[in-house]
Amino acid sequence: QVQLVESGGGLVQAGGSLRLSCTYSGSIFSFNRMGWYRQAPGKQRELVASIISGGRINYADSVKGRFGISRDNAKNTVYLQMNSLKPEDTAVYYCNIDSRIPRYESWGQGTQVTVSS
């Protein structure tokens, strides 16, 4: 059973920064997508940022220029650097990995990010 462990959430003032980490167990030899999603109260879960197989990176329009996604293969970790945070960024953030080899899709447990105005 592959596990994703997230960390780095918390309470921050508007304009501040946080870095989320998602560490996965085992090695990934090929993947379809590694991404970060978020879900605010009363809203649907939405894709925030993703790394697609081949290296292409996508961001939601609402976070472009403020968030950055990256991965460290040696540490089995995917990061989400969040700068210039806004109250509307408040949500539970989830890490998701869609691995091709080995074949699995897994979600993290979620980490709360709260941005105060």
C-alpha atoms as a PDB file:
ATOM      1  CA  GLN A   1       0.000   0.000   0.000  1.00  0.00           C
ATOM      2  CA  VAL A   2       1.552   3.244  -1.120  1.00  0.00           C
ATOM      3  CA  GLN A   3       1.203   6.054   1.362  1.00  0.00           C
ATOM      4  CA  LEU A   4       1.465   9.769   0.847  1.00  0.00           C
ATOM      5  CA  VAL A   5       2.275  11.865   3.889  1.00  0.00           C
ATOM      6  CA  GLU A   6       1.665  15.591   3.687  1.00  0.00           C
ATOM      7  CA  SER A   7       3.044  18.298   5.908  1.00  0.00           C
ATOM      8  CA  GLY A   8       3.597  22.038   6.008  1.00  0.00           C
ATOM      9  CA  GLY A   9       0.098  23.403   6.408  1.00  0.00           C
ATOM     10  CA  GLY A  10      -0.835  25.950   9.022  1.00  0.00           C
ATOM     11  CA  LEU A  11      -2.109  29.424   9.741  1.00  0.00           C
ATOM     12  CA  VAL A  12      -0.529  32.360   7.968  1.00  0.00           C
ATOM     13  CA  GLN A  13      -1.396  35.994   7.403  1.00  0.00           C
ATOM     14  CA  ALA A  14      -2.326  37.272   3.971  1.00  0.00           C
ATOM     15  CA  GLY A  15       0.794  37.927   1.948  1.00  0.00           C
ATOM     16  CA  GLY A  16       2.730  35.214   3.719  1.00  0.00           C
ATOM     17  CA  SER A  17       4.212  31.970   2.445  1.00  0.00           C
ATOM     18  CA  LEU A  18       4.004  28.270   3.185  1.00  0.00           C
ATOM     19  CA  ARG A  19       5.641  25.226   1.661  1.00  0.00           C
ATOM     20  CA  LEU A  20       3.730  21.968   1.563  1.00  0.00           C
ATOM     21  CA  SER A  21       5.514  18.639   1.290  1.00  0.00           C
ATOM     22  CA  CYS A  22       4.200  15.283   0.134  1.00  0.00           C
ATOM     23  CA  THR A  23       6.446  12.312   0.765  1.00  0.00           C
ATOM     24  CA  TYR A  24       5.568   9.012  -0.877  1.00  0.00           C
ATOM     25  CA  SER A  25       6.719   5.530  -0.011  1.00  0.00           C
ATOM     26  CA  GLY A  26       8.583   3.440  -2.548  1.00  0.00           C
ATOM     27  CA  SER A  27      10.081   4.356  -5.901  1.00  0.00           C
ATOM     28  CA  ILE A  28       8.244   5.688  -8.908  1.00  0.00           C
ATOM     29  CA  PHE A  29       9.809   4.773 -12.243  1.00  0.00           C
ATOM     30  CA  SER A  30       7.177   6.418 -14.393  1.00  0.00           C
ATOM     31  CA  PHE A  31       4.154   8.546 -13.573  1.00  0.00           C
ATOM     32  CA  ASN A  32       1.216  10.158 -15.324  1.00  0.00           C
ATOM     33  CA  ARG A  33       0.760  13.060 -12.948  1.00  0.00           C
ATOM     34  CA  MET A  34       1.799  14.369  -9.546  1.00  0.00           C
ATOM     35  CA  GLY A  35      -0.400  17.117  -8.280  1.00  0.00           C
ATOM     36  CA  TRP A  36      -1.788  19.229  -5.503  1.00  0.00           C
ATOM     37  CA  TYR A  37      -5.512  19.760  -5.087  1.00  0.00           C
ATOM     38  CA  ARG A  38      -7.480  21.790  -2.599  1.00  0.00           C
ATOM     39  CA  GLN A  39     -10.984  21.792  -1.228  1.00  0.00           C
ATOM     40  CA  ALA A  40     -12.545  24.740   0.557  1.00  0.00           C
ATOM     41  CA  PRO A  41     -15.675  24.335   2.711  1.00  0.00           C
ATOM     42  CA  GLY A  42     -18.747  23.960   0.545  1.00  0.00           C
ATOM     43  CA  LYS A  43     -16.734  23.778  -2.658  1.00  0.00           C
ATOM     44  CA  GLN A  44     -15.566  21.031  -4.963  1.00  0.00           C
ATOM     45  CA  ARG A  45     -12.020  19.782  -4.904  1.00  0.00           C
ATOM     46  CA  GLU A  46      -9.956  21.586  -7.525  1.00  0.00           C
ATOM     47  CA  LEU A  47      -6.574  21.030  -9.111  1.00  0.00           C
ATOM     48  CA  VAL A  48      -4.069  23.647  -7.990  1.00  0.00           C
ATOM     49  CA  ALA A  49      -0.852  22.521  -9.653  1.00  0.00           C
ATOM     50  CA  SER A  50       0.477  19.434 -11.376  1.00  0.00           C
ATOM     51  CA  ILE A  51       3.545  17.931 -12.979  1.00  0.00           C
ATOM     52  CA  ILE A  52       2.666  15.880 -16.036  1.00  0.00           C
ATOM     53  CA  SER A  53       4.755  13.021 -17.392  1.00  0.00           C
ATOM     54  CA  GLY A  54       7.439  14.605 -19.547  1.00  0.00           C
ATOM     55  CA  GLY A  55       7.866  17.503 -17.164  1.00  0.00           C
ATOM     56  CA  ARG A  56       5.100  19.883 -18.175  1.00  0.00           C
ATOM     57  CA  ILE A  57       3.751  21.901 -15.263  1.00  0.00           C
ATOM     58  CA  ASN A  58       0.238  23.286 -15.027  1.00  0.00           C
ATOM     59  CA  TYR A  59      -1.300  25.743 -12.595  1.00  0.00           C
ATOM     60  CA  ALA A  60      -4.803  26.873 -11.874  1.00  0.00           C
ATOM     61  CA  ASP A  61      -5.301  30.443 -13.062  1.00  0.00           C
ATOM     62  CA  SER A  62      -5.980  31.562  -9.507  1.00  0.00           C
ATOM     63  CA  VAL A  63      -2.469  30.611  -8.332  1.00  0.00           C
ATOM     64  CA  LYS A  64      -0.323  31.366 -11.375  1.00  0.00           C
ATOM     65  CA  GLY A  65       2.654  33.510 -10.457  1.00  0.00           C
ATOM     66  CA  ARG A  66       2.227  32.781  -6.745  1.00  0.00           C
ATOM     67  CA  PHE A  67       2.556  28.987  -6.360  1.00  0.00           C
ATOM     68  CA  GLY A  68       5.298  26.659  -7.540  1.00  0.00           C
ATOM     69  CA  ILE A  69       5.273  22.861  -7.727  1.00  0.00           C
ATOM     70  CA  SER A  70       8.458  20.812  -7.731  1.00  0.00           C
ATOM     71  CA  ARG A  71       9.712  17.339  -6.896  1.00  0.00           C
ATOM     72  CA  ASP A  72      12.848  15.858  -5.389  1.00  0.00           C
ATOM     73  CA  ASN A  73      13.311  12.303  -6.641  1.00  0.00           C
ATOM     74  CA  ALA A  74      16.045  11.543  -4.123  1.00  0.00           C
ATOM     75  CA  LYS A  75      13.693  12.414  -1.258  1.00  0.00           C
ATOM     76  CA  ASN A  76      10.526  10.929  -2.803  1.00  0.00           C
ATOM     77  CA  THR A  77       8.868  14.267  -2.183  1.00  0.00           C
ATOM     78  CA  VAL A  78       6.647  16.669  -4.080  1.00  0.00           C
ATOM     79  CA  TYR A  79       6.507  20.270  -2.906  1.00  0.00           C
ATOM     80  CA  LEU A  80       4.079  23.138  -3.279  1.00  0.00           C
ATOM     81  CA  GLN A  81       5.601  26.520  -2.545  1.00  0.00           C
ATOM     82  CA  MET A  82       2.854  29.039  -1.879  1.00  0.00           C
ATOM     83  CA  ASN A  83       3.687  32.748  -1.859  1.00  0.00           C
ATOM     84  CA  SER A  84       1.575  35.888  -1.581  1.00  0.00           C
ATOM     85  CA  LEU A  85      -1.165  33.870   0.064  1.00  0.00           C
ATOM     86  CA  LYS A  86      -4.701  35.209   0.053  1.00  0.00           C
ATOM     87  CA  PRO A  87      -7.671  34.408   2.314  1.00  0.00           C
ATOM     88  CA  GLU A  88      -9.307  32.667  -0.651  1.00  0.00           C
ATOM     89  CA  ASP A  89      -6.444  30.156  -0.646  1.00  0.00           C
ATOM     90  CA  THR A  90      -7.816  28.781   2.624  1.00  0.00           C
ATOM     91  CA  ALA A  91      -8.602  25.096   2.099  1.00  0.00           C
ATOM     92  CA  VAL A  92      -7.517  21.571   2.818  1.00  0.00           C
ATOM     93  CA  TYR A  93      -4.710  20.718   0.415  1.00  0.00           C
ATOM     94  CA  TYR A  94      -4.293  17.188  -0.900  1.00  0.00           C
ATOM     95  CA  CYS A  95      -1.438  15.549  -2.689  1.00  0.00           C
ATOM     96  CA  ASN A  96      -2.246  13.092  -5.476  1.00  0.00           C
ATOM     97  CA  ILE A  97       0.034  10.757  -7.416  1.00  0.00           C
ATOM     98  CA  ASP A  98      -1.046   8.859 -10.494  1.00  0.00           C
ATOM     99  CA  SER A  99       1.834   6.440 -10.961  1.00  0.00           C
ATOM    100  CA  ARG A 100       2.332   4.404 -14.132  1.00  0.00           C
ATOM    101  CA  ILE A 101       5.161   2.146 -12.955  1.00  0.00           C
ATOM    102  CA  PRO A 102       4.273   0.810 -10.431  1.00  0.00           C
ATOM    103  CA  ARG A 103       0.618   1.250 -11.274  1.00  0.00           C
ATOM    104  CA  TYR A 104      -1.414   3.035  -8.596  1.00  0.00           C
ATOM    105  CA  GLU A 105      -3.199   6.244  -7.762  1.00  0.00           C
ATOM    106  CA  SER A 106      -3.046   7.531  -4.237  1.00  0.00           C
ATOM    107  CA  TRP A 107      -4.171  10.526  -2.169  1.00  0.00           C
ATOM    108  CA  GLY A 108      -2.651  12.087   0.889  1.00  0.00           C
ATOM    109  CA  GLN A 109      -4.641  12.681   4.052  1.00  0.00           C
ATOM    110  CA  GLY A 110      -4.844  16.432   3.496  1.00  0.00           C
ATOM    111  CA  THR A 111      -3.281  19.373   5.288  1.00  0.00           C
ATOM    112  CA  GLN A 112      -5.146  22.492   6.364  1.00  0.00           C
ATOM    113  CA  VAL A 113      -4.016  25.868   5.100  1.00  0.00           C
ATOM    114  CA  THR A 114      -5.673  28.904   6.663  1.00  0.00           C
ATOM    115  CA  VAL A 115      -4.908  32.425   5.490  1.00  0.00           C
ATOM    116  CA  SER A 116      -6.099  35.248   7.715  1.00  0.00           C
ATOM    117  CA  SER A 117      -6.854  38.708   6.383  1.00  0.00           C
END
